[in-house]
PDB file of N, CA and C in Angstrom:
ATOM      1  N   MET A   1     100.121   5.087  64.209  1.00  0.00           N
ATOM      2  CA  MET A   1      99.151   4.774  62.485  1.00  0.00           C
ATOM      3  C   MET A   1      98.373   3.460  61.886  1.00  0.00           C
ATOM      4  N   ASP A   2      97.022   3.280  61.765  1.00  0.00           N
ATOM      5  CA  ASP A   2      96.196   2.544  61.562  1.00  0.00           C
ATOM      6  C   ASP A   2      96.793   1.744  60.386  1.00  0.00           C
ATOM      7  N   LYS A   3      97.602   0.495  60.700  1.00  0.00           N
ATOM      8  CA  LYS A   3      97.746  -0.519  60.221  1.00  0.00           C
ATOM      9  C   LYS A   3      96.994  -1.524  59.223  1.00  0.00           C
ATOM     10  N   SER A   4      95.456  -1.256  60.155  1.00  0.00           N
ATOM     11  CA  SER A   4      94.863  -2.300  59.165  1.00  0.00           C
ATOM     12  C   SER A   4      94.750  -1.875  57.776  1.00  0.00           C
ATOM     13  N   PRO A   5      94.520  -3.297  56.623  1.00  0.00           N
ATOM     14  CA  PRO A   5      94.464  -3.150  55.709  1.00  0.00           C
ATOM     15  C   PRO A   5      93.188  -2.359  55.372  1.00  0.00           C
ATOM     16  N   LYS A   6      92.937  -1.788  53.919  1.00  0.00           N
ATOM     17  CA  LYS A   6      92.031  -1.466  52.782  1.00  0.00           C
ATOM     18  C   LYS A   6      91.161  -2.548  52.222  1.00  0.00           C
ATOM     19  N   PHE A   7      90.324  -2.587  52.298  1.00  0.00           N
ATOM     20  CA  PHE A   7      89.776  -3.459  51.264  1.00  0.00           C
ATOM     21  C   PHE A   7      89.351  -2.471  49.761  1.00  0.00           C
ATOM     22  N   SER A   8      89.229  -2.994  48.685  1.00  0.00           N
ATOM     23  CA  SER A   8      88.502  -2.530  47.894  1.00  0.00           C
ATOM     24  C   SER A   8      88.528  -4.100  47.275  1.00  0.00           C
ATOM     25  N   ILE A   9      86.844  -4.126  46.944  1.00  0.00           N
ATOM     26  CA  ILE A   9      85.901  -4.470  46.751  1.00  0.00           C
ATOM     27  C   ILE A   9      85.336  -4.543  45.220  1.00  0.00           C
ATOM     28  N   ILE A  10      85.366  -5.133  44.399  1.00  0.00           N
ATOM     29  CA  ILE A  10      85.106  -5.059  43.009  1.00  0.00           C
ATOM     30  C   ILE A  10      84.304  -5.700  42.560  1.00  0.00           C
ATOM     31  N   ILE A  11      82.997  -5.122  42.199  1.00  0.00           N
ATOM     32  CA  ILE A  11      81.746  -5.518  41.681  1.00  0.00           C
ATOM     33  C   ILE A  11      81.704  -5.543  40.277  1.00  0.00           C
ATOM     34  N   PRO A  12      81.778  -6.019  39.216  1.00  0.00           N
ATOM     35  CA  PRO A  12      80.827  -6.267  38.062  1.00  0.00           C
ATOM     36  C   PRO A  12      79.696  -6.177  37.800  1.00  0.00           C
ATOM     37  N   CYS A  13      79.154  -5.147  36.391  1.00  0.00           N
ATOM     38  CA  CYS A  13      77.684  -5.519  36.770  1.00  0.00           C
ATOM     39  C   CYS A  13      77.219  -4.744  34.995  1.00  0.00           C
ATOM     40  N   HIS A  14      76.316  -5.844  34.911  1.00  0.00           N
ATOM     41  CA  HIS A  14      76.043  -6.031  33.495  1.00  0.00           C
ATOM     42  C   HIS A  14      74.451  -6.229  33.122  1.00  0.00           C
ATOM     43  N   ASN A  15      73.568  -5.639  33.401  1.00  0.00           N
ATOM     44  CA  ASN A  15      71.884  -5.248  33.249  1.00  0.00           C
ATOM     45  C   ASN A  15      71.419  -6.259  35.046  1.00  0.00           C
ATOM     46  N   ASP A  16      72.114  -5.796  35.441  1.00  0.00           N
ATOM     47  CA  ASP A  16      71.611  -6.640  36.541  1.00  0.00           C
ATOM     48  C   ASP A  16      70.801  -5.995  37.967  1.00  0.00           C
ATOM     49  N   LYS A  17      70.441  -4.990  37.583  1.00  0.00           N
ATOM     50  CA  LYS A  17      69.498  -4.434  38.601  1.00  0.00           C
ATOM     51  C   LYS A  17      68.750  -4.770  39.737  1.00  0.00           C
ATOM     52  N   ALA A  18      68.203  -5.904  39.630  1.00  0.00           N
ATOM     53  CA  ALA A  18      67.699  -6.583  40.091  1.00  0.00           C
ATOM     54  C   ALA A  18      68.863  -7.455  41.582  1.00  0.00           C
ATOM     55  N   TRP A  19      69.491  -7.106  41.340  1.00  0.00           N
ATOM     56  CA  TRP A  19      70.475  -7.806  42.524  1.00  0.00           C
ATOM     57  C   TRP A  19      71.155  -6.592  42.989  1.00  0.00           C
ATOM     58  N   VAL A  20      72.305  -6.051  41.887  1.00  0.00           N
ATOM     59  CA  VAL A  20      73.765  -5.576  42.226  1.00  0.00           C
ATOM     60  C   VAL A  20      73.493  -4.719  43.513  1.00  0.00           C
ATOM     61  N   GLY A  21      72.508  -4.032  43.840  1.00  0.00           N
ATOM     62  CA  GLY A  21      71.503  -3.209  45.049  1.00  0.00           C
ATOM     63  C   GLY A  21      71.909  -4.164  46.337  1.00  0.00           C
ATOM     64  N   ASN A  22      71.683  -5.311  46.506  1.00  0.00           N
ATOM     65  CA  ASN A  22      71.691  -5.809  47.580  1.00  0.00           C
ATOM     66  C   ASN A  22      73.538  -6.590  47.804  1.00  0.00           C
ATOM     67  N   ALA A  23      74.579  -6.879  46.646  1.00  0.00           N
ATOM     68  CA  ALA A  23      75.477  -6.654  46.960  1.00  0.00           C
ATOM     69  C   ALA A  23      76.463  -6.073  47.522  1.00  0.00           C
ATOM     70  N   ILE A  24      76.057  -4.673  46.938  1.00  0.00           N
ATOM     71  CA  ILE A  24      76.439  -3.034  47.171  1.00  0.00           C
ATOM     72  C   ILE A  24      76.120  -3.359  48.925  1.00  0.00           C
ATOM     73  N   GLU A  25      75.164  -3.430  48.791  1.00  0.00           N
ATOM     74  CA  GLU A  25      74.273  -3.107  50.546  1.00  0.00           C
ATOM     75  C   GLU A  25      75.265  -4.273  51.684  1.00  0.00           C
ATOM     76  N   SER A  26      75.312  -4.979  51.218  1.00  0.00           N
ATOM     77  CA  SER A  26      75.966  -6.252  52.413  1.00  0.00           C
ATOM     78  C   SER A  26      77.654  -5.663  52.302  1.00  0.00           C
ATOM     79  N   CYS A  27      78.240  -5.638  50.919  1.00  0.00           N
ATOM     80  CA  CYS A  27      79.479  -4.705  51.714  1.00  0.00           C
ATOM     81  C   CYS A  27      79.470  -3.489  52.037  1.00  0.00           C
ATOM     82  N   LEU A  28      78.849  -2.730  52.279  1.00  0.00           N
ATOM     83  CA  LEU A  28      78.824  -1.491  53.044  1.00  0.00           C
ATOM     84  C   LEU A  28      77.693  -1.763  54.306  1.00  0.00           C
ATOM     85  N   LYS A  29      77.814  -2.917  54.915  1.00  0.00           N
ATOM     86  CA  LYS A  29      77.208  -3.456  56.199  1.00  0.00           C
ATOM     87  C   LYS A  29      78.300  -3.716  56.122  1.00  0.00           C
ATOM     88  N   GLN A  30      79.279  -4.601  56.269  1.00  0.00           N
ATOM     89  CA  GLN A  30      80.506  -5.069  56.935  1.00  0.00           C
ATOM     90  C   GLN A  30      80.868  -4.381  57.854  1.00  0.00           C
ATOM     91  N   THR A  31      81.856  -4.314  59.065  1.00  0.00           N
ATOM     92  CA  THR A  31      82.204  -3.808  60.271  1.00  0.00           C
ATOM     93  C   THR A  31      83.362  -3.660  60.041  1.00  0.00           C
ATOM     94  N   HIS A  32      83.933  -4.021  59.092  1.00  0.00           N
ATOM     95  CA  HIS A  32      85.697  -3.440  58.316  1.00  0.00           C
ATOM     96  C   HIS A  32      85.559  -1.825  57.411  1.00  0.00           C
ATOM     97  N   LEU A  33      85.833  -0.872  58.742  1.00  0.00           N
ATOM     98  CA  LEU A  33      84.807   0.319  57.752  1.00  0.00           C
ATOM     99  C   LEU A  33      86.350   0.764  56.598  1.00  0.00           C
ATOM    100  N   LYS A  34      87.380  -0.035  56.804  1.00  0.00           N
ATOM    101  CA  LYS A  34      88.131   0.365  55.919  1.00  0.00           C
ATOM    102  C   LYS A  34      88.104  -0.114  54.536  1.00  0.00           C
ATOM    103  N   ARG A  35      87.007   0.394  53.656  1.00  0.00           N
ATOM    104  CA  ARG A  35      86.745  -0.457  52.339  1.00  0.00           C
ATOM    105  C   ARG A  35      86.353   0.800  51.192  1.00  0.00           C
ATOM    106  N   GLU A  36      87.087  -0.244  50.019  1.00  0.00           N
ATOM    107  CA  GLU A  36      86.047   0.556  48.966  1.00  0.00           C
ATOM    108  C   GLU A  36      84.657  -0.189  48.328  1.00  0.00           C
ATOM    109  N   VAL A  37      84.355   0.519  47.703  1.00  0.00           N
ATOM    110  CA  VAL A  37      82.741  -0.234  46.756  1.00  0.00           C
ATOM    111  C   VAL A  37      83.017   0.115  45.366  1.00  0.00           C
ATOM    112  N   ILE A  38      83.814  -0.928  44.358  1.00  0.00           N
ATOM    113  CA  ILE A  38      84.165  -0.279  43.273  1.00  0.00           C
ATOM    114  C   ILE A  38      82.977  -1.099  42.723  1.00  0.00           C
ATOM    115  N   VAL A  39      81.974  -0.835  41.255  1.00  0.00           N
ATOM    116  CA  VAL A  39      80.992  -1.072  40.761  1.00  0.00           C
ATOM    117  C   VAL A  39      81.477  -0.613  39.644  1.00  0.00           C
ATOM    118  N   ILE A  40      81.431  -1.360  38.251  1.00  0.00           N
ATOM    119  CA  ILE A  40      82.035  -1.310  36.958  1.00  0.00           C
ATOM    120  C   ILE A  40      80.704  -1.535  35.939  1.00  0.00           C
ATOM    121  N   ASP A  41      79.709  -0.854  35.975  1.00  0.00           N
ATOM    122  CA  ASP A  41      78.514  -1.172  34.673  1.00  0.00           C
ATOM    123  C   ASP A  41      79.214  -0.885  33.540  1.00  0.00           C
ATOM    124  N   ASP A  42      79.114  -2.752  33.407  1.00  0.00           N
ATOM    125  CA  ASP A  42      79.823  -3.169  32.245  1.00  0.00           C
ATOM    126  C   ASP A  42      78.842  -2.533  30.501  1.00  0.00           C
ATOM    127  N   GLY A  43      78.459  -1.482  30.505  1.00  0.00           N
ATOM    128  CA  GLY A  43      77.434  -1.093  29.369  1.00  0.00           C
ATOM    129  C   GLY A  43      75.619  -1.712  29.512  1.00  0.00           C
ATOM    130  N   SER A  44      75.683  -1.496  30.523  1.00  0.00           N
ATOM    131  CA  SER A  44      74.238  -2.344  30.667  1.00  0.00           C
ATOM    132  C   SER A  44      73.029  -1.927  29.827  1.00  0.00           C
ATOM    133  N   THR A  45      72.160  -2.523  29.666  1.00  0.00           N
ATOM    134  CA  THR A  45      71.063  -2.021  28.657  1.00  0.00           C
ATOM    135  C   THR A  45      69.640  -1.988  29.327  1.00  0.00           C
ATOM    136  N   ASP A  46      69.906  -2.336  30.587  1.00  0.00           N
ATOM    137  CA  ASP A  46      68.564  -2.109  31.541  1.00  0.00           C
ATOM    138  C   ASP A  46      69.078  -0.631  32.279  1.00  0.00           C
ATOM    139  N   SER A  47      67.954  -0.496  33.625  1.00  0.00           N
ATOM    140  CA  SER A  47      67.956   0.633  33.999  1.00  0.00           C
ATOM    141  C   SER A  47      69.155   0.584  35.166  1.00  0.00           C
ATOM    142  N   SER A  48      70.309  -0.342  35.337  1.00  0.00           N
ATOM    143  CA  SER A  48      71.049  -0.402  35.755  1.00  0.00           C
ATOM    144  C   SER A  48      71.765   0.971  36.050  1.00  0.00           C
ATOM    145  N   PRO A  49      72.082   1.266  34.901  1.00  0.00           N
ATOM    146  CA  PRO A  49      73.458   2.413  35.303  1.00  0.00           C
ATOM    147  C   PRO A  49      72.508   4.001  35.956  1.00  0.00           C
ATOM    148  N   GLN A  50      71.143   4.083  35.901  1.00  0.00           N
ATOM    149  CA  GLN A  50      70.642   5.468  36.261  1.00  0.00           C
ATOM    150  C   GLN A  50      70.410   5.057  37.327  1.00  0.00           C
ATOM    151  N   TRP A  51      70.076   3.682  37.923  1.00  0.00           N
ATOM    152  CA  TRP A  51      69.295   3.134  39.140  1.00  0.00           C
ATOM    153  C   TRP A  51      71.008   3.663  39.770  1.00  0.00           C
ATOM    154  N   LEU A  52      72.038   3.101  39.395  1.00  0.00           N
ATOM    155  CA  LEU A  52      73.250   2.996  40.366  1.00  0.00           C
ATOM    156  C   LEU A  52      73.203   4.638  40.788  1.00  0.00           C
ATOM    157  N   ALA A  53      73.572   5.172  39.985  1.00  0.00           N
ATOM    158  CA  ALA A  53      73.851   6.686  39.801  1.00  0.00           C
ATOM    159  C   ALA A  53      72.510   7.247  41.303  1.00  0.00           C
ATOM    160  N   ASP A  54      71.611   7.323  40.949  1.00  0.00           N
ATOM    161  CA  ASP A  54      70.222   7.490  41.963  1.00  0.00           C
ATOM    162  C   ASP A  54      70.602   7.365  42.958  1.00  0.00           C
ATOM    163  N   GLN A  55      71.381   5.771  43.108  1.00  0.00           N
ATOM    164  CA  GLN A  55      71.018   5.326  44.857  1.00  0.00           C
ATOM    165  C   GLN A  55      72.370   5.477  45.496  1.00  0.00           C
ATOM    166  N   TYR A  56      73.377   5.713  44.561  1.00  0.00           N
ATOM    167  CA  TYR A  56      74.684   5.829  45.419  1.00  0.00           C
ATOM    168  C   TYR A  56      76.002   7.238  44.745  1.00  0.00           C
ATOM    169  N   LYS A  57      75.030   8.039  43.919  1.00  0.00           N
ATOM    170  CA  LYS A  57      76.035   8.599  44.283  1.00  0.00           C
ATOM    171  C   LYS A  57      76.636   9.805  44.669  1.00  0.00           C
ATOM    172  N   ASN A  58      75.807   9.818  46.257  1.00  0.00           N
ATOM    173  CA  ASN A  58      76.365  11.076  47.075  1.00  0.00           C
ATOM    174  C   ASN A  58      77.318   9.461  48.266  1.00  0.00           C
ATOM    175  N   ASN A  59      77.177   8.630  47.896  1.00  0.00           N
ATOM    176  CA  ASN A  59      78.046   7.585  48.905  1.00  0.00           C
ATOM    177  C   ASN A  59      79.558   7.447  48.612  1.00  0.00           C
ATOM    178  N   LYS A  60      80.387   7.937  49.285  1.00  0.00           N
ATOM    179  CA  LYS A  60      82.088   8.141  49.263  1.00  0.00           C
ATOM    180  C   LYS A  60      82.403   6.747  49.609  1.00  0.00           C
ATOM    181  N   ASP A  61      81.735   5.356  49.717  1.00  0.00           N
ATOM    182  CA  ASP A  61      82.184   4.478  49.924  1.00  0.00           C
ATOM    183  C   ASP A  61      81.900   3.204  48.765  1.00  0.00           C
ATOM    184  N   VAL A  62      81.174   3.910  47.869  1.00  0.00           N
ATOM    185  CA  VAL A  62      81.389   3.655  46.646  1.00  0.00           C
ATOM    186  C   VAL A  62      81.585   4.717  45.125  1.00  0.00           C
ATOM    187  N   LYS A  63      82.588   3.750  44.308  1.00  0.00           N
ATOM    188  CA  LYS A  63      82.800   4.397  43.532  1.00  0.00           C
ATOM    189  C   LYS A  63      81.942   3.955  42.125  1.00  0.00           C
ATOM    190  N   LEU A  64      81.620   4.132  41.574  1.00  0.00           N
ATOM    191  CA  LEU A  64      80.857   3.998  39.933  1.00  0.00           C
ATOM    192  C   LEU A  64      81.507   4.533  39.238  1.00  0.00           C
ATOM    193  N   ILE A  65      81.673   3.520  38.401  1.00  0.00           N
ATOM    194  CA  ILE A  65      82.376   3.312  37.360  1.00  0.00           C
ATOM    195  C   ILE A  65      81.670   2.683  35.740  1.00  0.00           C
ATOM    196  N   PHE A  66      81.451   3.434  34.878  1.00  0.00           N
ATOM    197  CA  PHE A  66      80.585   3.455  33.394  1.00  0.00           C
ATOM    198  C   PHE A  66      81.180   3.555  32.595  1.00  0.00           C
ATOM    199  N   THR A  67      81.474   1.573  31.911  1.00  0.00           N
ATOM    200  CA  THR A  67      81.464   1.826  30.822  1.00  0.00           C
ATOM    201  C   THR A  67      81.023   1.038  29.748  1.00  0.00           C
ATOM    202  N   ARG A  68      81.521   0.868  28.335  1.00  0.00           N
ATOM    203  CA  ARG A  68      80.907   0.454  27.522  1.00  0.00           C
ATOM    204  C   ARG A  68      81.163  -1.462  27.460  1.00  0.00           C
ATOM    205  N   ASN A  69      79.836  -1.988  26.963  1.00  0.00           N
ATOM    206  CA  ASN A  69      80.092  -3.330  27.434  1.00  0.00           C
ATOM    207  C   ASN A  69      81.474  -4.146  27.085  1.00  0.00           C
ATOM    208  N   LEU A  70      82.292  -4.136  27.461  1.00  0.00           N
ATOM    209  CA  LEU A  70      83.620  -5.427  27.119  1.00  0.00           C
ATOM    210  C   LEU A  70      83.823  -6.481  28.073  1.00  0.00           C
ATOM    211  N   GLY A  71      82.622  -7.126  28.594  1.00  0.00           N
ATOM    212  CA  GLY A  71      82.410  -7.737  29.764  1.00  0.00           C
ATOM    213  C   GLY A  71      83.932  -8.120  30.645  1.00  0.00           C
ATOM    214  N   PRO A  72      82.766  -9.441  31.377  1.00  0.00           N
ATOM    215  CA  PRO A  72      82.970  -9.222  32.820  1.00  0.00           C
ATOM    216  C   PRO A  72      84.890  -9.089  32.940  1.00  0.00           C
ATOM    217  N   SER A  73      86.131  -9.328  32.231  1.00  0.00           N
ATOM    218  CA  SER A  73      87.360  -9.831  32.199  1.00  0.00           C
ATOM    219  C   SER A  73      87.820  -8.043  32.593  1.00  0.00           C
ATOM    220  N   SER A  74      87.464  -7.462  31.684  1.00  0.00           N
ATOM    221  CA  SER A  74      87.700  -6.158  31.293  1.00  0.00           C
ATOM    222  C   SER A  74      87.425  -5.984  32.377  1.00  0.00           C
ATOM    223  N   ALA A  75      85.627  -5.575  32.715  1.00  0.00           N
ATOM    224  CA  ALA A  75      85.318  -4.724  33.802  1.00  0.00           C
ATOM    225  C   ALA A  75      86.466  -5.003  35.194  1.00  0.00           C
ATOM    226  N   ARG A  76      85.836  -5.490  35.495  1.00  0.00           N
ATOM    227  CA  ARG A  76      87.009  -6.834  36.666  1.00  0.00           C
ATOM    228  C   ARG A  76      88.495  -5.987  36.405  1.00  0.00           C
ATOM    229  N   ASN A  77      89.425  -5.520  35.538  1.00  0.00           N
ATOM    230  CA  ASN A  77      90.502  -5.154  35.437  1.00  0.00           C
ATOM    231  C   ASN A  77      90.879  -3.678  35.349  1.00  0.00           C
ATOM    232  N   ARG A  78      89.107  -2.740  35.172  1.00  0.00           N
ATOM    233  CA  ARG A  78      89.247  -1.985  35.617  1.00  0.00           C
ATOM    234  C   ARG A  78      88.710  -1.262  37.036  1.00  0.00           C
ATOM    235  N   GLY A  79      88.161  -2.147  37.261  1.00  0.00           N
ATOM    236  CA  GLY A  79      88.330  -2.694  38.602  1.00  0.00           C
ATOM    237  C   GLY A  79      89.507  -2.679  39.457  1.00  0.00           C
ATOM    238  N   LEU A  80      90.328  -3.335  39.087  1.00  0.00           N
ATOM    239  CA  LEU A  80      91.310  -3.485  39.782  1.00  0.00           C
ATOM    240  C   LEU A  80      92.253  -2.289  39.398  1.00  0.00           C
ATOM    241  N   ALA A  81      92.668  -1.244  38.551  1.00  0.00           N
ATOM    242  CA  ALA A  81      93.104  -0.645  38.296  1.00  0.00           C
ATOM    243  C   ALA A  81      92.758   0.529  39.000  1.00  0.00           C
ATOM    244  N   GLU A  82      91.469   0.859  38.757  1.00  0.00           N
ATOM    245  CA  GLU A  82      90.826   2.009  40.006  1.00  0.00           C
ATOM    246  C   GLU A  82      91.177   1.897  41.275  1.00  0.00           C
ATOM    247  N   SER A  83      91.363   0.971  41.784  1.00  0.00           N
ATOM    248  CA  SER A  83      90.972   0.062  43.156  1.00  0.00           C
ATOM    249  C   SER A  83      92.477   0.889  44.273  1.00  0.00           C
ATOM    250  N   THR A  84      92.318   1.095  45.680  1.00  0.00           N
ATOM    251  CA  THR A  84      93.001   2.096  46.352  1.00  0.00           C
ATOM    252  C   THR A  84      93.385   0.662  47.505  1.00  0.00           C
ATOM    253  N   GLY A  85      92.903   0.166  47.516  1.00  0.00           N
ATOM    254  CA  GLY A  85      93.675  -1.274  48.859  1.00  0.00           C
ATOM    255  C   GLY A  85      94.669  -1.748  48.892  1.00  0.00           C
ATOM    256  N   THR A  86      94.622  -2.476  50.086  1.00  0.00           N
ATOM    257  CA  THR A  86      96.181  -2.816  50.040  1.00  0.00           C
ATOM    258  C   THR A  86      95.743  -4.448  49.925  1.00  0.00           C
ATOM    259  N   HIS A  87      94.593  -5.017  49.969  1.00  0.00           N
ATOM    260  CA  HIS A  87      93.568  -6.213  49.605  1.00  0.00           C
ATOM    261  C   HIS A  87      92.568  -5.960  48.450  1.00  0.00           C
ATOM    262  N   VAL A  88      92.457  -7.085  47.593  1.00  0.00           N
ATOM    263  CA  VAL A  88      91.393  -6.762  46.642  1.00  0.00           C
ATOM    264  C   VAL A  88      90.356  -8.100  46.857  1.00  0.00           C
ATOM    265  N   ILE A  89      89.133  -8.019  46.818  1.00  0.00           N
ATOM    266  CA  ILE A  89      88.359  -8.930  46.499  1.00  0.00           C
ATOM    267  C   ILE A  89      87.108  -8.577  45.558  1.00  0.00           C
ATOM    268  N   PHE A  90      87.396 -10.066  44.855  1.00  0.00           N
ATOM    269  CA  PHE A  90      86.099  -9.414  43.575  1.00  0.00           C
ATOM    270  C   PHE A  90      85.129 -10.024  43.686  1.00  0.00           C
ATOM    271  N   LEU A  91      83.250 -10.028  43.945  1.00  0.00           N
ATOM    272  CA  LEU A  91      82.579 -10.160  43.824  1.00  0.00           C
ATOM    273  C   LEU A  91      81.109 -10.146  42.602  1.00  0.00           C
ATOM    274  N   HIS A  92      80.516 -11.132  42.807  1.00  0.00           N
ATOM    275  CA  HIS A  92      80.005 -11.351  41.217  1.00  0.00           C
ATOM    276  C   HIS A  92      78.455 -10.120  41.627  1.00  0.00           C
ATOM    277  N   SER A  93      77.824  -9.556  40.885  1.00  0.00           N
ATOM    278  CA  SER A  93      76.351  -8.675  41.277  1.00  0.00           C
ATOM    279  C   SER A  93      75.510  -9.220  41.715  1.00  0.00           C
ATOM    280  N   ASN A  94      75.489 -10.923  41.611  1.00  0.00           N
ATOM    281  CA  ASN A  94      74.819 -11.333  42.346  1.00  0.00           C
ATOM    282  C   ASN A  94      74.887 -12.292  43.712  1.00  0.00           C
ATOM    283  N   ASP A  95      75.744 -11.838  44.148  1.00  0.00           N
ATOM    284  CA  ASP A  95      76.712 -12.278  45.397  1.00  0.00           C
ATOM    285  C   ASP A  95      75.973 -11.413  46.140  1.00  0.00           C
ATOM    286  N   MET A  96      76.193 -11.794  47.872  1.00  0.00           N
ATOM    287  CA  MET A  96      75.709 -11.768  49.217  1.00  0.00           C
ATOM    288  C   MET A  96      76.980 -11.534  50.169  1.00  0.00           C
TER     289      MET A  96
END
């Protein structure tokens, strides 16, 4: 049985199309394969929701959640509720 931890990486996004792809890709390039990337689009009014859906809808390692704008704390809490990892990491959408 593999006892290595599974990481849940939670990324809130609000109107961050210009940066969020870099944040997601930096997570996917990590060598530890037991991870999930959870992106919560917090009611973006730019093209972020459509772009995220187009780019990551078929990626089994990226879970997309679309909500109305409730703020970053609410988005992080939603990501935490959806996470399945034994360890949780919060990342900003403009981090790499």
